[in-house]
Structure formats: C-alpha cells, structure tokens
Amino acid sequence: MLSHPTGDVTLFEPGHPDLPAAAEVVLAWARSYLCRPHPDLGRGGDVCPYTALSLERGGFFLAVHPGRPDLEAVMTAYRDWFPDLPPREGPQARYRTVLVVLPDVTPGEIDRTQRELKPGFVERGLMIGEFHPGPPSAPGLWNADFRPMRSPLPLLAVRHMVAADAPFLRADPEHLAAYRSRFGDRGAHR
C-alpha cells in the first residue's frame, strides 16, 4: 500500500493482501474486460490497449473511497500525486494508471466530476475517465453503439495522455491545444 505524503489518500497495488473487496471486483473486471478483445468494440485488440501493460509493468494502482467523499479533493490529490508514483522513469512510466473506486457515488456524479475536472488533468498531460454501470453515454470510437466505459462499480481512472487520445480531446479547443503541445498534430485528425 502506498500512502500520499499528506496521508489523505492511499493506493493499493493489485497483489496487496489487504486489497479492499471493491478493489478486488474492479481488478477482476479490468483483467477480464479491459484486457481482452470485445466483439462490439469495432477494432481488434483489447478494450483498453494500456491496462494489460500497466498491470505487467507495475504501474497499476487502485483506491477505494466509500461513502460520499469530496470528489474534487480526492481526485485532485491523486492528480497531484500521479507524477511521483512508480514507475517514474523509462518507457514503463507511461503505463501508470490509477483507478479510484467510488462505490457509493451515483453515475451522474461520476460523469459531472469527470467533466468538471478534465481541464485540470489535461493541462498536466493526464486523462481522467469516467466508468460506471450506467454505462456512461460516451460511445466507442470505433462503434458508436458500443459503450466501452461500463464498469461493475463507479470509478474515475487517471492515466497519462497518449497520442491516441486526440479523439477524446478535439471537441474542446483548450484540450486540443494541450494535446498538440505534447504530440503536435500526430493523431489529431483521426
């Protein structure tokens, strides 16, 4: 278990003996859903191309915040801590992922929090994704009828922005500018 320097938030690695039950549910879902192909995805490969590598390279972390936490405070703490999490250097660092499980938060609150906090993440080169049983209304990139962000429990995910993220950012000029400052026009027109 990793503890934030302020002690306000903690993270569990997948093999931790005290992994909370909600984190175990999400970890099993990540392995069985995110790390596998899906017939409705509309392209080949895993639902999330980065999750398996994150798990393999020691950069996959889970947190659970039951009840009704201050979502902005919790997610800002993880956002600010993210650059200091292992692995910090080398190519494996780009696969660092934090899944913050919020079992008692409504799908609407998850969606709203993701929308409101996204600018502060994107400007730091990070992505924040919303997942819940709803599922979120965001369609798949390759199949507009598929909802890839469905999860067994509500959660917000944090990871590094990558070149393939342009489609998630181009609707907002500031998000696209943050993307282009890191990747230029590579992928911006997909």
N, C-alpha and C. Protein backbone atom coordinates (compact mmCIF):
# COMPACT_ATOMS: atom_id res chain seq x y z
N MET A 1 0.85 -1.18 0.00
CA MET A 1 0.00 0.00 0.00
C MET A 1 0.89 1.24 0.00
N LEU A 2 0.50 2.21 -0.79
CA LEU A 2 1.21 3.48 -0.85
C LEU A 2 0.34 4.54 -0.20
N SER A 3 0.95 5.40 0.60
CA SER A 3 0.21 6.49 1.24
C SER A 3 0.70 7.82 0.70
N HIS A 4 -0.22 8.69 0.39
CA HIS A 4 0.09 10.04 -0.06
C HIS A 4 0.88 10.74 1.04
N PRO A 5 1.82 11.59 0.68
CA PRO A 5 2.61 12.30 1.71
C PRO A 5 1.77 13.02 2.76
N THR A 6 0.59 13.48 2.39
CA THR A 6 -0.26 14.15 3.38
C THR A 6 -1.08 13.16 4.20
N GLY A 7 -1.10 11.90 3.76
CA GLY A 7 -1.88 10.88 4.44
C GLY A 7 -3.36 10.91 4.10
N ASP A 8 -3.75 11.79 3.18
CA ASP A 8 -5.17 11.94 2.84
C ASP A 8 -5.71 10.81 1.97
N VAL A 9 -4.88 10.25 1.11
CA VAL A 9 -5.33 9.20 0.20
C VAL A 9 -4.28 8.09 0.15
N THR A 10 -4.73 6.89 -0.20
CA THR A 10 -3.83 5.74 -0.30
C THR A 10 -4.09 5.02 -1.61
N LEU A 11 -3.14 4.17 -1.97
CA LEU A 11 -3.27 3.34 -3.17
C LEU A 11 -2.85 1.92 -2.84
N PHE A 12 -3.51 0.99 -3.48
CA PHE A 12 -3.17 -0.42 -3.35
C PHE A 12 -2.62 -0.93 -4.67
N GLU A 13 -1.61 -1.78 -4.59
CA GLU A 13 -1.14 -2.49 -5.76
C GLU A 13 -1.98 -3.76 -5.88
N PRO A 14 -2.12 -4.33 -7.08
CA PRO A 14 -3.02 -5.46 -7.27
C PRO A 14 -2.79 -6.66 -6.34
N GLY A 15 -1.56 -6.95 -5.97
CA GLY A 15 -1.29 -8.12 -5.15
C GLY A 15 -1.33 -7.88 -3.66
N HIS A 16 -1.73 -6.72 -3.22
CA HIS A 16 -1.70 -6.39 -1.79
C HIS A 16 -2.65 -7.31 -1.02
N PRO A 17 -2.19 -7.87 0.12
CA PRO A 17 -3.05 -8.80 0.88
C PRO A 17 -4.30 -8.15 1.48
N ASP A 18 -4.30 -6.85 1.67
CA ASP A 18 -5.45 -6.16 2.25
C ASP A 18 -6.27 -5.40 1.21
N LEU A 19 -6.20 -5.84 -0.03
CA LEU A 19 -6.94 -5.18 -1.10
C LEU A 19 -8.43 -5.17 -0.75
N PRO A 20 -9.04 -3.98 -0.68
CA PRO A 20 -10.47 -3.92 -0.34
C PRO A 20 -11.32 -4.70 -1.34
N ALA A 21 -12.45 -5.20 -0.88
CA ALA A 21 -13.34 -6.01 -1.73
C ALA A 21 -13.74 -5.26 -3.00
N ALA A 22 -14.06 -3.99 -2.89
CA ALA A 22 -14.45 -3.22 -4.08
C ALA A 22 -13.30 -3.14 -5.08
N ALA A 23 -12.07 -3.03 -4.60
CA ALA A 23 -10.91 -3.01 -5.48
C ALA A 23 -10.71 -4.37 -6.14
N GLU A 24 -10.98 -5.45 -5.41
CA GLU A 24 -10.89 -6.79 -5.99
C GLU A 24 -11.88 -6.95 -7.14
N VAL A 25 -13.09 -6.44 -6.97
CA VAL A 25 -14.11 -6.51 -8.02
C VAL A 25 -13.62 -5.76 -9.26
N VAL A 26 -13.10 -4.57 -9.06
CA VAL A 26 -12.64 -3.75 -10.19
C VAL A 26 -11.41 -4.36 -10.84
N LEU A 27 -10.51 -4.91 -10.05
CA LEU A 27 -9.32 -5.56 -10.62
C LEU A 27 -9.73 -6.76 -11.48
N ALA A 28 -10.66 -7.57 -11.00
CA ALA A 28 -11.14 -8.71 -11.79
C ALA A 28 -11.78 -8.23 -13.09
N TRP A 29 -12.56 -7.15 -13.02
CA TRP A 29 -13.17 -6.57 -14.22
C TRP A 29 -12.10 -6.06 -15.19
N ALA A 30 -11.09 -5.38 -14.66
CA ALA A 30 -10.02 -4.86 -15.52
C ALA A 30 -9.35 -6.00 -16.28
N ARG A 31 -9.08 -7.08 -15.58
CA ARG A 31 -8.41 -8.22 -16.22
C ARG A 31 -9.32 -8.94 -17.21
N SER A 32 -10.59 -9.08 -16.88
CA SER A 32 -11.49 -9.86 -17.73
C SER A 32 -12.17 -9.04 -18.83
N TYR A 33 -12.20 -7.73 -18.68
CA TYR A 33 -12.87 -6.88 -19.67
C TYR A 33 -11.90 -5.94 -20.37
N LEU A 34 -11.22 -5.09 -19.62
CA LEU A 34 -10.32 -4.12 -20.25
C LEU A 34 -9.16 -4.77 -20.97
N CYS A 35 -8.68 -5.89 -20.45
CA CYS A 35 -7.50 -6.56 -21.01
C CYS A 35 -7.86 -7.63 -22.04
N ARG A 36 -9.05 -7.57 -22.58
CA ARG A 36 -9.48 -8.57 -23.56
C ARG A 36 -10.19 -7.88 -24.73
N PRO A 37 -10.19 -8.54 -25.88
CA PRO A 37 -10.99 -8.03 -27.00
C PRO A 37 -12.48 -8.13 -26.69
N HIS A 38 -13.26 -7.33 -27.38
CA HIS A 38 -14.72 -7.39 -27.24
C HIS A 38 -15.32 -7.38 -28.65
N PRO A 39 -16.29 -8.25 -28.92
CA PRO A 39 -16.83 -8.33 -30.28
C PRO A 39 -17.50 -7.06 -30.77
N ASP A 40 -17.96 -6.20 -29.87
CA ASP A 40 -18.65 -4.97 -30.28
C ASP A 40 -17.73 -3.75 -30.32
N LEU A 41 -16.46 -3.94 -30.02
CA LEU A 41 -15.54 -2.81 -29.94
C LEU A 41 -15.38 -2.08 -31.27
N GLY A 42 -15.36 -2.82 -32.37
CA GLY A 42 -15.22 -2.19 -33.68
C GLY A 42 -13.79 -2.14 -34.18
N ARG A 43 -12.87 -2.70 -33.44
CA ARG A 43 -11.46 -2.79 -33.86
C ARG A 43 -10.88 -4.01 -33.15
N GLY A 44 -9.71 -4.43 -33.59
CA GLY A 44 -9.02 -5.53 -32.94
C GLY A 44 -8.34 -5.07 -31.67
N GLY A 45 -7.93 -6.01 -30.86
CA GLY A 45 -7.18 -5.69 -29.65
C GLY A 45 -8.06 -5.57 -28.42
N ASP A 46 -7.38 -5.34 -27.29
CA ASP A 46 -8.07 -5.22 -26.02
C ASP A 46 -8.96 -3.98 -25.98
N VAL A 47 -9.97 -4.02 -25.13
CA VAL A 47 -10.85 -2.86 -24.94
C VAL A 47 -10.00 -1.65 -24.58
N CYS A 48 -9.06 -1.81 -23.64
CA CYS A 48 -8.11 -0.74 -23.31
C CYS A 48 -6.71 -1.24 -23.64
N PRO A 49 -6.05 -0.66 -24.62
CA PRO A 49 -4.74 -1.15 -25.02
C PRO A 49 -3.64 -0.97 -23.97
N TYR A 50 -3.90 -0.22 -22.90
CA TYR A 50 -2.85 0.11 -21.94
C TYR A 50 -2.95 -0.65 -20.62
N THR A 51 -4.12 -1.20 -20.31
CA THR A 51 -4.31 -1.80 -18.99
C THR A 51 -3.41 -3.00 -18.76
N ALA A 52 -3.34 -3.91 -19.72
CA ALA A 52 -2.50 -5.10 -19.53
C ALA A 52 -1.05 -4.71 -19.31
N LEU A 53 -0.55 -3.75 -20.08
CA LEU A 53 0.83 -3.30 -19.89
C LEU A 53 1.02 -2.62 -18.55
N SER A 54 0.04 -1.87 -18.11
CA SER A 54 0.10 -1.23 -16.80
C SER A 54 0.21 -2.29 -15.70
N LEU A 55 -0.60 -3.33 -15.80
CA LEU A 55 -0.55 -4.42 -14.82
C LEU A 55 0.80 -5.14 -14.87
N GLU A 56 1.27 -5.45 -16.07
CA GLU A 56 2.53 -6.18 -16.24
C GLU A 56 3.74 -5.38 -15.76
N ARG A 57 3.70 -4.08 -15.90
CA ARG A 57 4.88 -3.25 -15.62
C ARG A 57 4.85 -2.57 -14.25
N GLY A 58 3.93 -2.97 -13.41
CA GLY A 58 3.91 -2.47 -12.04
C GLY A 58 3.43 -1.05 -11.88
N GLY A 59 2.60 -0.58 -12.80
CA GLY A 59 2.11 0.79 -12.71
C GLY A 59 0.61 0.89 -12.52
N PHE A 60 -0.02 -0.18 -12.06
CA PHE A 60 -1.47 -0.22 -11.91
C PHE A 60 -1.81 -0.12 -10.43
N PHE A 61 -2.61 0.89 -10.07
CA PHE A 61 -2.95 1.14 -8.67
C PHE A 61 -4.45 1.30 -8.52
N LEU A 62 -4.94 0.92 -7.34
CA LEU A 62 -6.36 1.01 -7.04
C LEU A 62 -6.56 1.74 -5.72
N ALA A 63 -7.64 2.48 -5.64
CA ALA A 63 -8.04 3.13 -4.39
C ALA A 63 -9.54 2.96 -4.25
N VAL A 64 -10.01 2.93 -3.03
CA VAL A 64 -11.45 2.83 -2.77
C VAL A 64 -11.83 3.92 -1.78
N HIS A 65 -12.84 4.69 -2.15
CA HIS A 65 -13.37 5.75 -1.28
C HIS A 65 -14.88 5.54 -1.13
N PRO A 66 -15.29 4.77 -0.10
CA PRO A 66 -16.72 4.55 0.11
C PRO A 66 -17.40 5.81 0.65
N GLY A 67 -18.71 5.79 0.66
CA GLY A 67 -19.45 6.93 1.18
C GLY A 67 -19.52 8.04 0.16
N ARG A 68 -19.57 9.26 0.65
CA ARG A 68 -19.74 10.43 -0.20
C ARG A 68 -18.54 11.36 -0.04
N PRO A 69 -17.39 10.99 -0.59
CA PRO A 69 -16.21 11.84 -0.43
C PRO A 69 -16.33 13.14 -1.23
N ASP A 70 -15.49 14.09 -0.88
CA ASP A 70 -15.36 15.31 -1.66
C ASP A 70 -14.60 14.92 -2.93
N LEU A 71 -15.32 14.70 -4.01
CA LEU A 71 -14.71 14.15 -5.22
C LEU A 71 -13.62 15.03 -5.79
N GLU A 72 -13.81 16.33 -5.76
CA GLU A 72 -12.78 17.22 -6.28
C GLU A 72 -11.51 17.11 -5.45
N ALA A 73 -11.62 17.09 -4.14
CA ALA A 73 -10.44 16.99 -3.27
C ALA A 73 -9.74 15.65 -3.46
N VAL A 74 -10.51 14.57 -3.52
CA VAL A 74 -9.92 13.24 -3.68
C VAL A 74 -9.20 13.14 -5.02
N MET A 75 -9.86 13.53 -6.10
CA MET A 75 -9.25 13.38 -7.42
C MET A 75 -8.09 14.34 -7.64
N THR A 76 -8.17 15.53 -7.05
CA THR A 76 -7.04 16.46 -7.14
C THR A 76 -5.82 15.91 -6.42
N ALA A 77 -6.04 15.25 -5.28
CA ALA A 77 -4.91 14.64 -4.56
C ALA A 77 -4.25 13.56 -5.42
N TYR A 78 -5.04 12.72 -6.07
CA TYR A 78 -4.45 11.69 -6.94
C TYR A 78 -3.78 12.31 -8.16
N ARG A 79 -4.39 13.33 -8.73
CA ARG A 79 -3.79 14.01 -9.89
C ARG A 79 -2.42 14.58 -9.53
N ASP A 80 -2.35 15.24 -8.39
CA ASP A 80 -1.09 15.88 -8.00
C ASP A 80 -0.04 14.86 -7.58
N TRP A 81 -0.45 13.72 -7.08
CA TRP A 81 0.46 12.65 -6.65
C TRP A 81 0.94 11.81 -7.83
N PHE A 82 0.14 11.76 -8.88
CA PHE A 82 0.38 10.86 -10.01
C PHE A 82 1.82 10.90 -10.54
N PRO A 83 2.42 12.06 -10.77
CA PRO A 83 3.79 12.07 -11.32
C PRO A 83 4.83 11.42 -10.41
N ASP A 84 4.56 11.33 -9.12
CA ASP A 84 5.52 10.77 -8.18
C ASP A 84 5.34 9.27 -7.95
N LEU A 85 4.32 8.68 -8.55
CA LEU A 85 4.07 7.25 -8.38
C LEU A 85 5.03 6.43 -9.23
N PRO A 86 5.34 5.21 -8.78
CA PRO A 86 6.19 4.35 -9.60
C PRO A 86 5.37 3.72 -10.74
N PRO A 87 6.01 3.32 -11.80
CA PRO A 87 7.39 3.62 -12.15
C PRO A 87 7.50 5.06 -12.65
N ARG A 88 8.54 5.74 -12.21
CA ARG A 88 8.68 7.17 -12.52
C ARG A 88 9.49 7.45 -13.77
N GLU A 89 10.32 6.50 -14.17
CA GLU A 89 11.20 6.75 -15.32
C GLU A 89 11.14 5.59 -16.29
N GLY A 90 11.63 5.85 -17.48
CA GLY A 90 11.68 4.82 -18.50
C GLY A 90 10.36 4.66 -19.22
N PRO A 91 10.36 3.82 -20.24
CA PRO A 91 9.14 3.66 -21.05
C PRO A 91 7.95 3.10 -20.28
N GLN A 92 8.21 2.35 -19.22
CA GLN A 92 7.10 1.78 -18.45
C GLN A 92 6.32 2.85 -17.69
N ALA A 93 6.91 4.02 -17.45
CA ALA A 93 6.22 5.08 -16.69
C ALA A 93 4.95 5.54 -17.39
N ARG A 94 4.92 5.48 -18.71
CA ARG A 94 3.73 5.97 -19.42
C ARG A 94 2.52 5.06 -19.23
N TYR A 95 2.72 3.89 -18.67
CA TYR A 95 1.61 2.96 -18.44
C TYR A 95 1.04 3.04 -17.03
N ARG A 96 1.47 4.02 -16.26
CA ARG A 96 0.96 4.21 -14.90
C ARG A 96 -0.53 4.52 -14.97
N THR A 97 -1.30 3.86 -14.10
CA THR A 97 -2.76 4.00 -14.08
C THR A 97 -3.26 3.97 -12.64
N VAL A 98 -4.20 4.82 -12.33
CA VAL A 98 -4.85 4.81 -11.01
C VAL A 98 -6.36 4.71 -11.24
N LEU A 99 -6.97 3.69 -10.64
CA LEU A 99 -8.42 3.55 -10.67
C LEU A 99 -8.95 3.87 -9.28
N VAL A 100 -9.74 4.92 -9.19
CA VAL A 100 -10.31 5.36 -7.91
C VAL A 100 -11.76 4.88 -7.88
N VAL A 101 -12.00 3.85 -7.08
CA VAL A 101 -13.32 3.23 -6.99
C VAL A 101 -14.16 4.02 -5.99
N LEU A 102 -15.35 4.40 -6.43
CA LEU A 102 -16.25 5.24 -5.63
C LEU A 102 -17.60 4.54 -5.56
N PRO A 103 -17.70 3.45 -4.78
CA PRO A 103 -18.86 2.56 -4.86
C PRO A 103 -20.20 3.20 -4.52
N ASP A 104 -20.21 4.28 -3.75
CA ASP A 104 -21.47 4.88 -3.32
C ASP A 104 -21.82 6.17 -4.07
N VAL A 105 -21.05 6.48 -5.08
CA VAL A 105 -21.26 7.70 -5.86
C VAL A 105 -22.14 7.37 -7.06
N THR A 106 -23.08 8.23 -7.38
CA THR A 106 -24.01 7.97 -8.47
C THR A 106 -23.33 8.14 -9.83
N PRO A 107 -23.85 7.47 -10.86
CA PRO A 107 -23.31 7.67 -12.20
C PRO A 107 -23.30 9.14 -12.62
N GLY A 108 -24.35 9.88 -12.29
CA GLY A 108 -24.38 11.30 -12.64
C GLY A 108 -23.26 12.09 -12.00
N GLU A 109 -22.95 11.77 -10.74
CA GLU A 109 -21.85 12.45 -10.06
C GLU A 109 -20.50 12.09 -10.68
N ILE A 110 -20.35 10.84 -11.09
CA ILE A 110 -19.12 10.42 -11.76
C ILE A 110 -18.95 11.21 -13.06
N ASP A 111 -20.00 11.26 -13.87
CA ASP A 111 -19.94 11.98 -15.14
C ASP A 111 -19.65 13.46 -14.93
N ARG A 112 -20.35 14.08 -13.99
CA ARG A 112 -20.16 15.51 -13.73
C ARG A 112 -18.74 15.79 -13.24
N THR A 113 -18.24 14.97 -12.33
CA THR A 113 -16.89 15.18 -11.80
C THR A 113 -15.86 15.05 -12.90
N GLN A 114 -16.01 14.06 -13.75
CA GLN A 114 -15.07 13.89 -14.86
C GLN A 114 -15.08 15.12 -15.76
N ARG A 115 -16.26 15.60 -16.11
CA ARG A 115 -16.37 16.79 -16.98
C ARG A 115 -15.73 18.01 -16.33
N GLU A 116 -16.02 18.23 -15.05
CA GLU A 116 -15.52 19.42 -14.37
C GLU A 116 -14.02 19.38 -14.14
N LEU A 117 -13.47 18.21 -13.86
CA LEU A 117 -12.05 18.11 -13.53
C LEU A 117 -11.15 17.87 -14.75
N LYS A 118 -11.73 17.47 -15.85
CA LYS A 118 -10.93 17.12 -17.03
C LYS A 118 -9.95 18.22 -17.44
N PRO A 119 -10.33 19.51 -17.48
CA PRO A 119 -9.36 20.53 -17.89
C PRO A 119 -8.09 20.54 -17.03
N GLY A 120 -8.22 20.39 -15.73
CA GLY A 120 -7.06 20.40 -14.84
C GLY A 120 -6.16 19.19 -15.01
N PHE A 121 -6.73 18.10 -15.47
CA PHE A 121 -5.94 16.90 -15.75
C PHE A 121 -5.25 17.05 -17.10
N VAL A 122 -6.02 17.43 -18.11
CA VAL A 122 -5.49 17.53 -19.47
C VAL A 122 -4.33 18.52 -19.54
N GLU A 123 -4.43 19.64 -18.85
CA GLU A 123 -3.35 20.63 -18.91
C GLU A 123 -2.05 20.09 -18.31
N ARG A 124 -2.15 19.03 -17.51
CA ARG A 124 -0.97 18.38 -16.92
C ARG A 124 -0.56 17.13 -17.69
N GLY A 125 -1.17 16.92 -18.85
CA GLY A 125 -0.83 15.76 -19.66
C GLY A 125 -1.44 14.46 -19.16
N LEU A 126 -2.55 14.57 -18.44
CA LEU A 126 -3.23 13.40 -17.89
C LEU A 126 -4.64 13.30 -18.45
N MET A 127 -5.16 12.10 -18.39
CA MET A 127 -6.56 11.85 -18.76
C MET A 127 -7.30 11.38 -17.53
N ILE A 128 -8.55 11.77 -17.41
CA ILE A 128 -9.44 11.28 -16.36
C ILE A 128 -10.65 10.69 -17.07
N GLY A 129 -10.92 9.43 -16.78
CA GLY A 129 -12.02 8.74 -17.45
C GLY A 129 -13.09 8.32 -16.48
N GLU A 130 -14.34 8.38 -16.93
CA GLU A 130 -15.49 8.03 -16.11
C GLU A 130 -15.97 6.63 -16.48
N PHE A 131 -16.17 5.81 -15.47
CA PHE A 131 -16.68 4.45 -15.65
C PHE A 131 -17.76 4.20 -14.61
N HIS A 132 -18.84 3.56 -15.02
CA HIS A 132 -19.88 3.16 -14.07
C HIS A 132 -20.83 2.19 -14.75
N PRO A 133 -21.73 1.57 -13.97
CA PRO A 133 -22.64 0.59 -14.55
C PRO A 133 -23.70 1.19 -15.47
N GLY A 134 -23.83 2.50 -15.51
CA GLY A 134 -24.87 3.21 -16.24
C GLY A 134 -25.26 2.68 -17.60
N PRO A 135 -24.38 2.53 -18.56
CA PRO A 135 -23.00 2.98 -18.61
C PRO A 135 -22.93 4.46 -18.99
N PRO A 136 -21.72 5.06 -18.92
CA PRO A 136 -21.57 6.42 -19.41
C PRO A 136 -22.06 6.52 -20.86
N SER A 137 -22.51 7.68 -21.22
CA SER A 137 -23.10 7.87 -22.55
C SER A 137 -22.07 7.95 -23.67
N ALA A 138 -20.79 8.10 -23.33
CA ALA A 138 -19.76 8.24 -24.35
C ALA A 138 -19.70 6.98 -25.22
N PRO A 139 -19.85 7.15 -26.54
CA PRO A 139 -19.79 5.99 -27.43
C PRO A 139 -18.36 5.54 -27.66
N GLY A 140 -18.22 4.32 -28.16
CA GLY A 140 -16.91 3.84 -28.55
C GLY A 140 -16.40 4.61 -29.76
N LEU A 141 -15.09 4.69 -29.89
CA LEU A 141 -14.51 5.41 -31.03
C LEU A 141 -14.74 4.68 -32.34
N TRP A 142 -14.83 3.37 -32.28
CA TRP A 142 -14.91 2.56 -33.49
C TRP A 142 -16.29 1.98 -33.73
N ASN A 143 -17.17 2.07 -32.73
CA ASN A 143 -18.55 1.60 -32.85
C ASN A 143 -19.41 2.49 -31.97
N ALA A 144 -20.16 3.37 -32.58
CA ALA A 144 -20.95 4.35 -31.83
C ALA A 144 -22.04 3.71 -30.98
N ASP A 145 -22.38 2.45 -31.25
CA ASP A 145 -23.40 1.77 -30.46
C ASP A 145 -22.83 1.05 -29.24
N PHE A 146 -21.52 1.00 -29.12
CA PHE A 146 -20.86 0.31 -28.01
C PHE A 146 -20.50 1.32 -26.93
N ARG A 147 -20.71 0.95 -25.69
CA ARG A 147 -20.38 1.81 -24.54
C ARG A 147 -19.23 1.16 -23.76
N PRO A 148 -17.99 1.46 -24.13
CA PRO A 148 -16.84 0.78 -23.54
C PRO A 148 -16.56 1.16 -22.09
N MET A 149 -17.16 2.23 -21.59
CA MET A 149 -16.83 2.72 -20.24
C MET A 149 -17.72 2.10 -19.16
N ARG A 150 -18.38 1.02 -19.46
CA ARG A 150 -19.23 0.31 -18.48
C ARG A 150 -18.32 -0.44 -17.51
N SER A 151 -18.61 -0.30 -16.23
CA SER A 151 -17.84 -1.00 -15.19
C SER A 151 -18.80 -1.50 -14.11
N PRO A 152 -18.36 -2.47 -13.30
CA PRO A 152 -19.26 -3.01 -12.27
C PRO A 152 -19.51 -2.05 -11.11
N LEU A 153 -18.59 -1.14 -10.88
CA LEU A 153 -18.71 -0.14 -9.81
C LEU A 153 -18.32 1.22 -10.37
N PRO A 154 -18.87 2.30 -9.83
CA PRO A 154 -18.46 3.63 -10.28
C PRO A 154 -16.98 3.88 -9.96
N LEU A 155 -16.29 4.48 -10.92
CA LEU A 155 -14.89 4.81 -10.68
C LEU A 155 -14.44 5.91 -11.62
N LEU A 156 -13.35 6.55 -11.25
CA LEU A 156 -12.66 7.51 -12.10
C LEU A 156 -11.24 6.98 -12.29
N ALA A 157 -10.78 7.00 -13.53
CA ALA A 157 -9.46 6.47 -13.86
C ALA A 157 -8.55 7.62 -14.28
N VAL A 158 -7.29 7.51 -13.88
CA VAL A 158 -6.28 8.51 -14.23
C VAL A 158 -5.13 7.80 -14.93
N ARG A 159 -4.68 8.37 -16.03
CA ARG A 159 -3.52 7.84 -16.75
C ARG A 159 -2.87 8.96 -17.53
N HIS A 160 -1.69 8.67 -18.08
CA HIS A 160 -1.02 9.64 -18.93
C HIS A 160 -1.78 9.81 -20.24
N MET A 161 -1.76 11.02 -20.76
CA MET A 161 -2.27 11.27 -22.09
C MET A 161 -1.32 10.61 -23.08
N VAL A 162 -1.87 10.02 -24.14
CA VAL A 162 -1.06 9.41 -25.19
C VAL A 162 -1.51 9.95 -26.54
N ALA A 163 -0.71 9.72 -27.57
CA ALA A 163 -1.00 10.25 -28.89
C ALA A 163 -2.37 9.81 -29.41
N ALA A 164 -2.83 8.63 -29.03
CA ALA A 164 -4.12 8.12 -29.50
C ALA A 164 -5.31 8.80 -28.83
N ASP A 165 -5.09 9.72 -27.90
CA ASP A 165 -6.18 10.38 -27.17
C ASP A 165 -6.81 11.56 -27.91
N ALA A 166 -6.31 11.92 -29.06
CA ALA A 166 -6.85 13.08 -29.77
C ALA A 166 -8.37 13.06 -29.91
N PRO A 167 -8.99 11.93 -30.26
CA PRO A 167 -10.46 11.95 -30.41
C PRO A 167 -11.20 12.33 -29.13
N PHE A 168 -10.59 12.09 -27.97
CA PHE A 168 -11.24 12.43 -26.70
C PHE A 168 -11.07 13.91 -26.35
N LEU A 169 -10.23 14.60 -27.09
CA LEU A 169 -9.86 15.97 -26.72
C LEU A 169 -10.22 17.02 -27.76
N ARG A 170 -10.47 16.62 -28.97
CA ARG A 170 -10.60 17.61 -30.04
C ARG A 170 -11.86 18.45 -29.98
N ALA A 171 -12.87 18.06 -29.23
CA ALA A 171 -14.10 18.86 -29.15
C ALA A 171 -13.91 20.15 -28.37
N ASP A 172 -12.85 20.23 -27.57
CA ASP A 172 -12.59 21.41 -26.75
C ASP A 172 -11.27 22.04 -27.20
N PRO A 173 -11.28 23.30 -27.64
CA PRO A 173 -10.05 23.93 -28.13
C PRO A 173 -8.90 23.92 -27.12
N GLU A 174 -9.20 24.12 -25.84
CA GLU A 174 -8.13 24.11 -24.83
C GLU A 174 -7.56 22.71 -24.64
N HIS A 175 -8.42 21.71 -24.65
CA HIS A 175 -7.95 20.33 -24.54
C HIS A 175 -7.08 19.98 -25.74
N LEU A 176 -7.54 20.38 -26.94
CA LEU A 176 -6.78 20.08 -28.14
C LEU A 176 -5.43 20.81 -28.12
N ALA A 177 -5.41 22.04 -27.62
CA ALA A 177 -4.14 22.77 -27.51
C ALA A 177 -3.18 22.06 -26.56
N ALA A 178 -3.69 21.54 -25.45
CA ALA A 178 -2.84 20.79 -24.52
C ALA A 178 -2.31 19.53 -25.18
N TYR A 179 -3.15 18.87 -25.95
CA TYR A 179 -2.73 17.68 -26.70
C TYR A 179 -1.62 18.05 -27.69
N ARG A 180 -1.87 19.09 -28.48
CA ARG A 180 -0.89 19.49 -29.52
C ARG A 180 0.43 19.95 -28.92
N SER A 181 0.40 20.52 -27.72
CA SER A 181 1.67 20.94 -27.09
C SER A 181 2.55 19.73 -26.77
N ARG A 182 1.94 18.56 -26.64
CA ARG A 182 2.69 17.34 -26.34
C ARG A 182 2.96 16.49 -27.57
N PHE A 183 2.00 16.44 -28.49
CA PHE A 183 2.08 15.49 -29.60
C PHE A 183 2.02 16.13 -30.98
N GLY A 184 1.91 17.45 -31.06
CA GLY A 184 1.76 18.09 -32.36
C GLY A 184 0.44 17.68 -32.98
N ASP A 185 0.43 17.50 -34.29
CA ASP A 185 -0.79 17.10 -34.97
C ASP A 185 -0.91 15.58 -35.13
N ARG A 186 0.06 14.84 -34.59
CA ARG A 186 0.03 13.38 -34.69
C ARG A 186 -1.26 12.85 -34.06
N GLY A 187 -2.09 12.25 -34.84
CA GLY A 187 -3.34 11.68 -34.34
C GLY A 187 -4.47 12.68 -34.17
N ALA A 188 -4.21 13.97 -34.35
CA ALA A 188 -5.23 14.98 -34.07
C ALA A 188 -6.37 14.98 -35.07
N HIS A 189 -6.20 14.32 -36.20
CA HIS A 189 -7.24 14.35 -37.23
C HIS A 189 -7.94 13.01 -37.39
N ARG A 190 -7.68 12.07 -36.49
CA ARG A 190 -8.30 10.75 -36.59
C ARG A 190 -9.77 10.82 -36.29
